[in-house]
Amino acid sequence: MLRPDRAWCADITYIHLHTGFVYVAIVLDAQARAIRGTSESEVYLSEYRSLAEAQEWVDRFTEDVYNRRRICTLLGYDTPPKYEQQWQ
């Protein structure tokens, strides 16, 4: 089994807004299933007044939900922090 922070993968997706899209690229820790980095790019904006507001929302979601509270079946239904604790 790999240890966390040894292998990463990347993906890109988009967030559909009312009048456009924000594309989000992520770097994911392949073992811990936690996002280690993000980058956003606007196509059109709607409910967010600027790309900075969209980036702030993505950053908050990544840290508050995806990396801390989301359970993952690949981690034995643990959250990424709980899974990573076993390696410390």
PDB file of N, CA and C in Angstrom:
ATOM      1  N   MET A   1       0.840  -1.180   0.000  1.00  0.00           N
ATOM      2  CA  MET A   1       0.000   0.000   0.000  1.00  0.00           C
ATOM      3  C   MET A   1       0.888   1.248   0.000  1.00  0.00           C
ATOM      4  N   LEU A   2       0.511   2.217  -0.811  1.00  0.00           N
ATOM      5  CA  LEU A   2       1.247   3.475  -0.858  1.00  0.00           C
ATOM      6  C   LEU A   2       0.946   4.324   0.366  1.00  0.00           C
ATOM      7  N   ARG A   3       1.908   5.122   0.752  1.00  0.00           N
ATOM      8  CA  ARG A   3       1.697   6.091   1.821  1.00  0.00           C
ATOM      9  C   ARG A   3       1.116   7.368   1.216  1.00  0.00           C
ATOM     10  N   PRO A   4       0.391   8.167   2.005  1.00  0.00           N
ATOM     11  CA  PRO A   4      -0.083   9.455   1.503  1.00  0.00           C
ATOM     12  C   PRO A   4       1.092  10.338   1.068  1.00  0.00           C
ATOM     13  N   ASP A   5       0.836  11.246   0.162  1.00  0.00           N
ATOM     14  CA  ASP A   5       1.807  12.216  -0.355  1.00  0.00           C
ATOM     15  C   ASP A   5       2.972  11.573  -1.103  1.00  0.00           C
ATOM     16  N   ARG A   6       2.733  10.427  -1.716  1.00  0.00           N
ATOM     17  CA  ARG A   6       3.764   9.773  -2.534  1.00  0.00           C
ATOM     18  C   ARG A   6       3.394   9.766  -4.016  1.00  0.00           C
ATOM     19  N   ALA A   7       2.107   9.742  -4.318  1.00  0.00           N
ATOM     20  CA  ALA A   7       1.650   9.714  -5.710  1.00  0.00           C
ATOM     21  C   ALA A   7       0.423  10.615  -5.840  1.00  0.00           C
ATOM     22  N   TRP A   8       0.403  11.373  -6.914  1.00  0.00           N
ATOM     23  CA  TRP A   8      -0.701  12.292  -7.145  1.00  0.00           C
ATOM     24  C   TRP A   8      -1.283  12.058  -8.530  1.00  0.00           C
ATOM     25  N   CYS A   9      -2.516  12.466  -8.698  1.00  0.00           N
ATOM     26  CA  CYS A   9      -3.141  12.454 -10.020  1.00  0.00           C
ATOM     27  C   CYS A   9      -3.852  13.792 -10.192  1.00  0.00           C
ATOM     28  N   ALA A  10      -4.232  14.081 -11.403  1.00  0.00           N
ATOM     29  CA  ALA A  10      -4.885  15.359 -11.693  1.00  0.00           C
ATOM     30  C   ALA A  10      -6.192  15.103 -12.431  1.00  0.00           C
ATOM     31  N   ASP A  11      -7.100  16.040 -12.286  1.00  0.00           N
ATOM     32  CA  ASP A  11      -8.372  15.969 -12.990  1.00  0.00           C
ATOM     33  C   ASP A  11      -8.860  17.388 -13.223  1.00  0.00           C
ATOM     34  N   ILE A  12      -9.777  17.518 -14.153  1.00  0.00           N
ATOM     35  CA  ILE A  12     -10.393  18.810 -14.427  1.00  0.00           C
ATOM     36  C   ILE A  12     -11.895  18.602 -14.529  1.00  0.00           C
ATOM     37  N   THR A  13     -12.641  19.542 -14.010  1.00  0.00           N
ATOM     38  CA  THR A  13     -14.096  19.513 -14.097  1.00  0.00           C
ATOM     39  C   THR A  13     -14.581  20.944 -14.224  1.00  0.00           C
ATOM     40  N   TYR A  14     -15.868  21.120 -14.242  1.00  0.00           N
ATOM     41  CA  TYR A  14     -16.412  22.465 -14.309  1.00  0.00           C
ATOM     42  C   TYR A  14     -17.595  22.596 -13.359  1.00  0.00           C
ATOM     43  N   ILE A  15     -17.826  23.821 -12.941  1.00  0.00           N
ATOM     44  CA  ILE A  15     -18.985  24.157 -12.132  1.00  0.00           C
ATOM     45  C   ILE A  15     -19.902  24.972 -13.027  1.00  0.00           C
ATOM     46  N   HIS A  16     -21.096  24.449 -13.252  1.00  0.00           N
ATOM     47  CA  HIS A  16     -22.057  25.142 -14.108  1.00  0.00           C
ATOM     48  C   HIS A  16     -22.734  26.233 -13.292  1.00  0.00           C
ATOM     49  N   LEU A  17     -22.563  27.458 -13.711  1.00  0.00           N
ATOM     50  CA  LEU A  17     -23.243  28.588 -13.086  1.00  0.00           C
ATOM     51  C   LEU A  17     -24.466  28.928 -13.926  1.00  0.00           C
ATOM     52  N   HIS A  18     -25.248  29.892 -13.509  1.00  0.00           N
ATOM     53  CA  HIS A  18     -26.464  30.238 -14.246  1.00  0.00           C
ATOM     54  C   HIS A  18     -26.173  30.702 -15.674  1.00  0.00           C
ATOM     55  N   THR A  19     -25.106  31.448 -15.871  1.00  0.00           N
ATOM     56  CA  THR A  19     -24.826  31.975 -17.211  1.00  0.00           C
ATOM     57  C   THR A  19     -23.443  31.618 -17.718  1.00  0.00           C
ATOM     58  N   GLY A  20     -22.812  30.628 -17.145  1.00  0.00           N
ATOM     59  CA  GLY A  20     -21.488  30.263 -17.624  1.00  0.00           C
ATOM     60  C   GLY A  20     -20.882  29.128 -16.824  1.00  0.00           C
ATOM     61  N   PHE A  21     -19.581  29.033 -16.868  1.00  0.00           N
ATOM     62  CA  PHE A  21     -18.858  27.945 -16.235  1.00  0.00           C
ATOM     63  C   PHE A  21     -17.605  28.466 -15.546  1.00  0.00           C
ATOM     64  N   VAL A  22     -17.209  27.777 -14.487  1.00  0.00           N
ATOM     65  CA  VAL A  22     -15.882  27.940 -13.893  1.00  0.00           C
ATOM     66  C   VAL A  22     -15.227  26.568 -13.995  1.00  0.00           C
ATOM     67  N   TYR A  23     -14.118  26.485 -14.690  1.00  0.00           N
ATOM     68  CA  TYR A  23     -13.381  25.235 -14.793  1.00  0.00           C
ATOM     69  C   TYR A  23     -12.449  25.117 -13.604  1.00  0.00           C
ATOM     70  N   VAL A  24     -12.368  23.919 -13.052  1.00  0.00           N
ATOM     71  CA  VAL A  24     -11.547  23.666 -11.872  1.00  0.00           C
ATOM     72  C   VAL A  24     -10.617  22.491 -12.171  1.00  0.00           C
ATOM     73  N   ALA A  25      -9.325  22.728 -12.020  1.00  0.00           N
ATOM     74  CA  ALA A  25      -8.333  21.660 -12.133  1.00  0.00           C
ATOM     75  C   ALA A  25      -7.850  21.335 -10.727  1.00  0.00           C
ATOM     76  N   ILE A  26      -7.687  20.039 -10.437  1.00  0.00           N
ATOM     77  CA  ILE A  26      -7.242  19.640  -9.107  1.00  0.00           C
ATOM     78  C   ILE A  26      -6.043  18.707  -9.193  1.00  0.00           C
ATOM     79  N   VAL A  27      -5.263  18.700  -8.133  1.00  0.00           N
ATOM     80  CA  VAL A  27      -4.221  17.702  -7.917  1.00  0.00           C
ATOM     81  C   VAL A  27      -4.662  16.921  -6.688  1.00  0.00           C
ATOM     82  N   LEU A  28      -4.776  15.604  -6.840  1.00  0.00           N
ATOM     83  CA  LEU A  28      -5.330  14.737  -5.803  1.00  0.00           C
ATOM     84  C   LEU A  28      -4.267  13.782  -5.296  1.00  0.00           C
ATOM     85  N   ASP A  29      -4.144  13.669  -3.963  1.00  0.00           N
ATOM     86  CA  ASP A  29      -3.286  12.654  -3.366  1.00  0.00           C
ATOM     87  C   ASP A  29      -3.932  11.308  -3.682  1.00  0.00           C
ATOM     88  N   ALA A  30      -3.253  10.473  -4.454  1.00  0.00           N
ATOM     89  CA  ALA A  30      -3.845   9.227  -4.944  1.00  0.00           C
ATOM     90  C   ALA A  30      -4.192   8.255  -3.824  1.00  0.00           C
ATOM     91  N   GLN A  31      -3.469   8.259  -2.729  1.00  0.00           N
ATOM     92  CA  GLN A  31      -3.742   7.329  -1.639  1.00  0.00           C
ATOM     93  C   GLN A  31      -4.729   7.888  -0.628  1.00  0.00           C
ATOM     94  N   ALA A  32      -4.530   9.126  -0.179  1.00  0.00           N
ATOM     95  CA  ALA A  32      -5.386   9.725   0.842  1.00  0.00           C
ATOM     96  C   ALA A  32      -6.674  10.292   0.253  1.00  0.00           C
ATOM     97  N   ARG A  33      -6.744  10.403  -1.071  1.00  0.00           N
ATOM     98  CA  ARG A  33      -7.925  10.931  -1.766  1.00  0.00           C
ATOM     99  C   ARG A  33      -8.268  12.339  -1.312  1.00  0.00           C
ATOM    100  N   ALA A  34      -7.262  13.136  -0.996  1.00  0.00           N
ATOM    101  CA  ALA A  34      -7.444  14.523  -0.566  1.00  0.00           C
ATOM    102  C   ALA A  34      -6.895  15.448  -1.638  1.00  0.00           C
ATOM    103  N   ILE A  35      -7.564  16.563  -1.849  1.00  0.00           N
ATOM    104  CA  ILE A  35      -7.107  17.542  -2.829  1.00  0.00           C
ATOM    105  C   ILE A  35      -5.921  18.299  -2.256  1.00  0.00           C
ATOM    106  N   ARG A  36      -4.844  18.348  -3.007  1.00  0.00           N
ATOM    107  CA  ARG A  36      -3.629  19.049  -2.569  1.00  0.00           C
ATOM    108  C   ARG A  36      -3.446  20.396  -3.258  1.00  0.00           C
ATOM    109  N   GLY A  37      -4.141  20.611  -4.374  1.00  0.00           N
ATOM    110  CA  GLY A  37      -4.031  21.888  -5.063  1.00  0.00           C
ATOM    111  C   GLY A  37      -5.172  22.072  -6.043  1.00  0.00           C
ATOM    112  N   THR A  38      -5.541  23.340  -6.281  1.00  0.00           N
ATOM    113  CA  THR A  38      -6.597  23.645  -7.238  1.00  0.00           C
ATOM    114  C   THR A  38      -6.212  24.856  -8.068  1.00  0.00           C
ATOM    115  N   SER A  39      -6.849  24.963  -9.213  1.00  0.00           N
ATOM    116  CA  SER A  39      -6.722  26.141 -10.055  1.00  0.00           C
ATOM    117  C   SER A  39      -8.058  26.338 -10.760  1.00  0.00           C
ATOM    118  N   GLU A  40      -8.534  27.576 -10.819  1.00  0.00           N
ATOM    119  CA  GLU A  40      -9.810  27.867 -11.443  1.00  0.00           C
ATOM    120  C   GLU A  40      -9.620  28.820 -12.607  1.00  0.00           C
ATOM    121  N   SER A  41     -10.528  28.718 -13.571  1.00  0.00           N
ATOM    122  CA  SER A  41     -10.509  29.602 -14.733  1.00  0.00           C
ATOM    123  C   SER A  41     -11.944  29.891 -15.139  1.00  0.00           C
ATOM    124  N   GLU A  42     -12.244  31.147 -15.373  1.00  0.00           N
ATOM    125  CA  GLU A  42     -13.618  31.512 -15.709  1.00  0.00           C
ATOM    126  C   GLU A  42     -13.874  31.453 -17.214  1.00  0.00           C
ATOM    127  N   VAL A  43     -15.087  31.109 -17.561  1.00  0.00           N
ATOM    128  CA  VAL A  43     -15.537  31.207 -18.943  1.00  0.00           C
ATOM    129  C   VAL A  43     -16.558  32.331 -19.014  1.00  0.00           C
ATOM    130  N   TYR A  44     -17.592  32.261 -18.199  1.00  0.00           N
ATOM    131  CA  TYR A  44     -18.561  33.334 -18.019  1.00  0.00           C
ATOM    132  C   TYR A  44     -18.904  33.356 -16.540  1.00  0.00           C
ATOM    133  N   LEU A  45     -19.284  34.486 -16.038  1.00  0.00           N
ATOM    134  CA  LEU A  45     -19.654  34.564 -14.625  1.00  0.00           C
ATOM    135  C   LEU A  45     -21.140  34.858 -14.496  1.00  0.00           C
ATOM    136  N   SER A  46     -21.717  34.432 -13.410  1.00  0.00           N
ATOM    137  CA  SER A  46     -23.131  34.744 -13.175  1.00  0.00           C
ATOM    138  C   SER A  46     -23.314  35.197 -11.741  1.00  0.00           C
ATOM    139  N   GLU A  47     -23.603  34.242 -10.834  1.00  0.00           N
ATOM    140  CA  GLU A  47     -23.877  34.619  -9.452  1.00  0.00           C
ATOM    141  C   GLU A  47     -22.639  35.132  -8.738  1.00  0.00           C
ATOM    142  N   TYR A  48     -21.474  34.773  -9.222  1.00  0.00           N
ATOM    143  CA  TYR A  48     -20.239  35.318  -8.663  1.00  0.00           C
ATOM    144  C   TYR A  48     -19.880  36.560  -9.449  1.00  0.00           C
ATOM    145  N   ARG A  49     -19.513  37.617  -8.753  1.00  0.00           N
ATOM    146  CA  ARG A  49     -19.182  38.863  -9.436  1.00  0.00           C
ATOM    147  C   ARG A  49     -17.806  38.824 -10.085  1.00  0.00           C
ATOM    148  N   SER A  50     -16.987  37.897  -9.634  1.00  0.00           N
ATOM    149  CA  SER A  50     -15.624  37.840 -10.178  1.00  0.00           C
ATOM    150  C   SER A  50     -15.073  36.432 -10.058  1.00  0.00           C
ATOM    151  N   LEU A  51     -13.997  36.182 -10.759  1.00  0.00           N
ATOM    152  CA  LEU A  51     -13.304  34.906 -10.631  1.00  0.00           C
ATOM    153  C   LEU A  51     -12.811  34.721  -9.204  1.00  0.00           C
ATOM    154  N   ALA A  52     -12.400  35.798  -8.559  1.00  0.00           N
ATOM    155  CA  ALA A  52     -11.913  35.711  -7.179  1.00  0.00           C
ATOM    156  C   ALA A  52     -12.995  35.156  -6.244  1.00  0.00           C
ATOM    157  N   GLU A  53     -14.255  35.572  -6.423  1.00  0.00           N
ATOM    158  CA  GLU A  53     -15.344  35.037  -5.598  1.00  0.00           C
ATOM    159  C   GLU A  53     -15.554  33.552  -5.862  1.00  0.00           C
ATOM    160  N   ALA A  54     -15.488  33.144  -7.133  1.00  0.00           N
ATOM    161  CA  ALA A  54     -15.635  31.727  -7.471  1.00  0.00           C
ATOM    162  C   ALA A  54     -14.489  30.923  -6.871  1.00  0.00           C
ATOM    163  N   GLN A  55     -13.267  31.446  -6.942  1.00  0.00           N
ATOM    164  CA  GLN A  55     -12.109  30.759  -6.366  1.00  0.00           C
ATOM    165  C   GLN A  55     -12.252  30.626  -4.863  1.00  0.00           C
ATOM    166  N   GLU A  56     -12.763  31.665  -4.223  1.00  0.00           N
ATOM    167  CA  GLU A  56     -12.958  31.613  -2.771  1.00  0.00           C
ATOM    168  C   GLU A  56     -13.952  30.514  -2.405  1.00  0.00           C
ATOM    169  N   TRP A  57     -15.040  30.390  -3.175  1.00  0.00           N
ATOM    170  CA  TRP A  57     -16.025  29.342  -2.927  1.00  0.00           C
ATOM    171  C   TRP A  57     -15.404  27.962  -3.102  1.00  0.00           C
ATOM    172  N   VAL A  58     -14.637  27.764  -4.181  1.00  0.00           N
ATOM    173  CA  VAL A  58     -13.997  26.468  -4.429  1.00  0.00           C
ATOM    174  C   VAL A  58     -13.014  26.149  -3.313  1.00  0.00           C
ATOM    175  N   ASP A  59     -12.225  27.125  -2.888  1.00  0.00           N
ATOM    176  CA  ASP A  59     -11.266  26.903  -1.802  1.00  0.00           C
ATOM    177  C   ASP A  59     -11.967  26.514  -0.503  1.00  0.00           C
ATOM    178  N   ARG A  60     -13.056  27.214  -0.171  1.00  0.00           N
ATOM    179  CA  ARG A  60     -13.797  26.883   1.057  1.00  0.00           C
ATOM    180  C   ARG A  60     -14.385  25.484   0.977  1.00  0.00           C
ATOM    181  N   PHE A  61     -14.984  25.139  -0.160  1.00  0.00           N
ATOM    182  CA  PHE A  61     -15.559  23.808  -0.322  1.00  0.00           C
ATOM    183  C   PHE A  61     -14.485  22.730  -0.213  1.00  0.00           C
ATOM    184  N   THR A  62     -13.332  22.967  -0.867  1.00  0.00           N
ATOM    185  CA  THR A  62     -12.249  21.993  -0.837  1.00  0.00           C
ATOM    186  C   THR A  62     -11.785  21.728   0.588  1.00  0.00           C
ATOM    187  N   GLU A  63     -11.531  22.788   1.346  1.00  0.00           N
ATOM    188  CA  GLU A  63     -11.015  22.623   2.702  1.00  0.00           C
ATOM    189  C   GLU A  63     -12.075  22.198   3.710  1.00  0.00           C
ATOM    190  N   ASP A  64     -13.260  22.790   3.652  1.00  0.00           N
ATOM    191  CA  ASP A  64     -14.277  22.524   4.670  1.00  0.00           C
ATOM    192  C   ASP A  64     -15.038  21.219   4.448  1.00  0.00           C
ATOM    193  N   VAL A  65     -15.243  20.835   3.199  1.00  0.00           N
ATOM    194  CA  VAL A  65     -16.058  19.658   2.915  1.00  0.00           C
ATOM    195  C   VAL A  65     -15.221  18.525   2.330  1.00  0.00           C
ATOM    196  N   TYR A  66     -14.624  18.750   1.170  1.00  0.00           N
ATOM    197  CA  TYR A  66     -13.978  17.661   0.435  1.00  0.00           C
ATOM    198  C   TYR A  66     -12.813  17.055   1.208  1.00  0.00           C
ATOM    199  N   ASN A  67     -11.933  17.872   1.743  1.00  0.00           N
ATOM    200  CA  ASN A  67     -10.746  17.339   2.425  1.00  0.00           C
ATOM    201  C   ASN A  67     -10.985  16.978   3.885  1.00  0.00           C
ATOM    202  N   ARG A  68     -12.030  17.484   4.522  1.00  0.00           N
ATOM    203  CA  ARG A  68     -12.204  17.258   5.963  1.00  0.00           C
ATOM    204  C   ARG A  68     -13.370  16.345   6.333  1.00  0.00           C
ATOM    205  N   ARG A  69     -14.527  16.516   5.676  1.00  0.00           N
ATOM    206  CA  ARG A  69     -15.730  15.804   6.123  1.00  0.00           C
ATOM    207  C   ARG A  69     -16.201  14.708   5.179  1.00  0.00           C
ATOM    208  N   ARG A  70     -15.724  14.699   3.949  1.00  0.00           N
ATOM    209  CA  ARG A  70     -16.204  13.720   2.960  1.00  0.00           C
ATOM    210  C   ARG A  70     -15.648  12.343   3.279  1.00  0.00           C
ATOM    211  N   ILE A  71     -16.542  11.356   3.357  1.00  0.00           N
ATOM    212  CA  ILE A  71     -16.065   9.987   3.535  1.00  0.00           C
ATOM    213  C   ILE A  71     -15.821   9.371   2.161  1.00  0.00           C
ATOM    214  N   CYS A  72     -14.889   8.459   2.103  1.00  0.00           N
ATOM    215  CA  CYS A  72     -14.488   7.857   0.833  1.00  0.00           C
ATOM    216  C   CYS A  72     -14.486   6.341   0.963  1.00  0.00           C
ATOM    217  N   THR A  73     -15.146   5.666   0.050  1.00  0.00           N
ATOM    218  CA  THR A  73     -15.180   4.202   0.099  1.00  0.00           C
ATOM    219  C   THR A  73     -13.787   3.604  -0.061  1.00  0.00           C
ATOM    220  N   LEU A  74     -12.938   4.229  -0.872  1.00  0.00           N
ATOM    221  CA  LEU A  74     -11.574   3.707  -1.073  1.00  0.00           C
ATOM    222  C   LEU A  74     -10.713   3.805   0.184  1.00  0.00           C
ATOM    223  N   LEU A  75     -11.144   4.635   1.134  1.00  0.00           N
ATOM    224  CA  LEU A  75     -10.411   4.789   2.397  1.00  0.00           C
ATOM    225  C   LEU A  75     -11.113   4.036   3.520  1.00  0.00           C
ATOM    226  N   GLY A  76     -11.938   3.073   3.181  1.00  0.00           N
ATOM    227  CA  GLY A  76     -12.662   2.314   4.198  1.00  0.00           C
ATOM    228  C   GLY A  76     -13.709   3.147   4.907  1.00  0.00           C
ATOM    229  N   TYR A  77     -14.337   4.049   4.174  1.00  0.00           N
ATOM    230  CA  TYR A  77     -15.372   4.942   4.694  1.00  0.00           C
ATOM    231  C   TYR A  77     -14.836   5.884   5.769  1.00  0.00           C
ATOM    232  N   ASP A  78     -13.580   6.240   5.652  1.00  0.00           N
ATOM    233  CA  ASP A  78     -12.968   7.253   6.510  1.00  0.00           C
ATOM    234  C   ASP A  78     -12.907   8.576   5.754  1.00  0.00           C
ATOM    235  N   THR A  79     -12.662   9.642   6.499  1.00  0.00           N
ATOM    236  CA  THR A  79     -12.360  10.936   5.887  1.00  0.00           C
ATOM    237  C   THR A  79     -10.861  10.961   5.588  1.00  0.00           C
ATOM    238  N   PRO A  80     -10.399  11.818   4.673  1.00  0.00           N
ATOM    239  CA  PRO A  80      -8.958  11.877   4.416  1.00  0.00           C
ATOM    240  C   PRO A  80      -8.116  12.150   5.675  1.00  0.00           C
ATOM    241  N   PRO A  81      -8.497  13.093   6.574  1.00  0.00           N
ATOM    242  CA  PRO A  81      -7.664  13.301   7.770  1.00  0.00           C
ATOM    243  C   PRO A  81      -7.567  12.067   8.660  1.00  0.00           C
ATOM    244  N   LYS A  82      -8.693  11.365   8.838  1.00  0.00           N
ATOM    245  CA  LYS A  82      -8.662  10.174   9.688  1.00  0.00           C
ATOM    246  C   LYS A  82      -7.786   9.094   9.058  1.00  0.00           C
ATOM    247  N   TYR A  83      -7.871   8.950   7.745  1.00  0.00           N
ATOM    248  CA  TYR A  83      -7.041   7.972   7.050  1.00  0.00           C
ATOM    249  C   TYR A  83      -5.556   8.316   7.192  1.00  0.00           C
ATOM    250  N   GLU A  84      -5.225   9.593   7.013  1.00  0.00           N
ATOM    251  CA  GLU A  84      -3.828  10.020   7.082  1.00  0.00           C
ATOM    252  C   GLU A  84      -3.239   9.880   8.480  1.00  0.00           C
ATOM    253  N   GLN A  85      -4.065   9.925   9.517  1.00  0.00           N
ATOM    254  CA  GLN A  85      -3.568   9.797  10.885  1.00  0.00           C
ATOM    255  C   GLN A  85      -2.876   8.467  11.118  1.00  0.00           C
ATOM    256  N   GLN A  86      -3.295   7.414  10.444  1.00  0.00           N
ATOM    257  CA  GLN A  86      -2.670   6.122  10.658  1.00  0.00           C
ATOM    258  C   GLN A  86      -1.221   6.076  10.145  1.00  0.00           C
ATOM    259  N   TRP A  87      -0.831   7.040   9.335  1.00  0.00           N
ATOM    260  CA  TRP A  87       0.522   7.066   8.783  1.00  0.00           C
ATOM    261  C   TRP A  87       1.455   7.973   9.575  1.00  0.00           C
ATOM    262  N   GLN A  88       0.944   8.611  10.605  1.00  0.00           N
ATOM    263  CA  GLN A  88       1.795   9.534  11.381  1.00  0.00           C
ATOM    264  C   GLN A  88       2.449   8.837  12.544  1.00  0.00           C
TER     265      GLN A  88
END
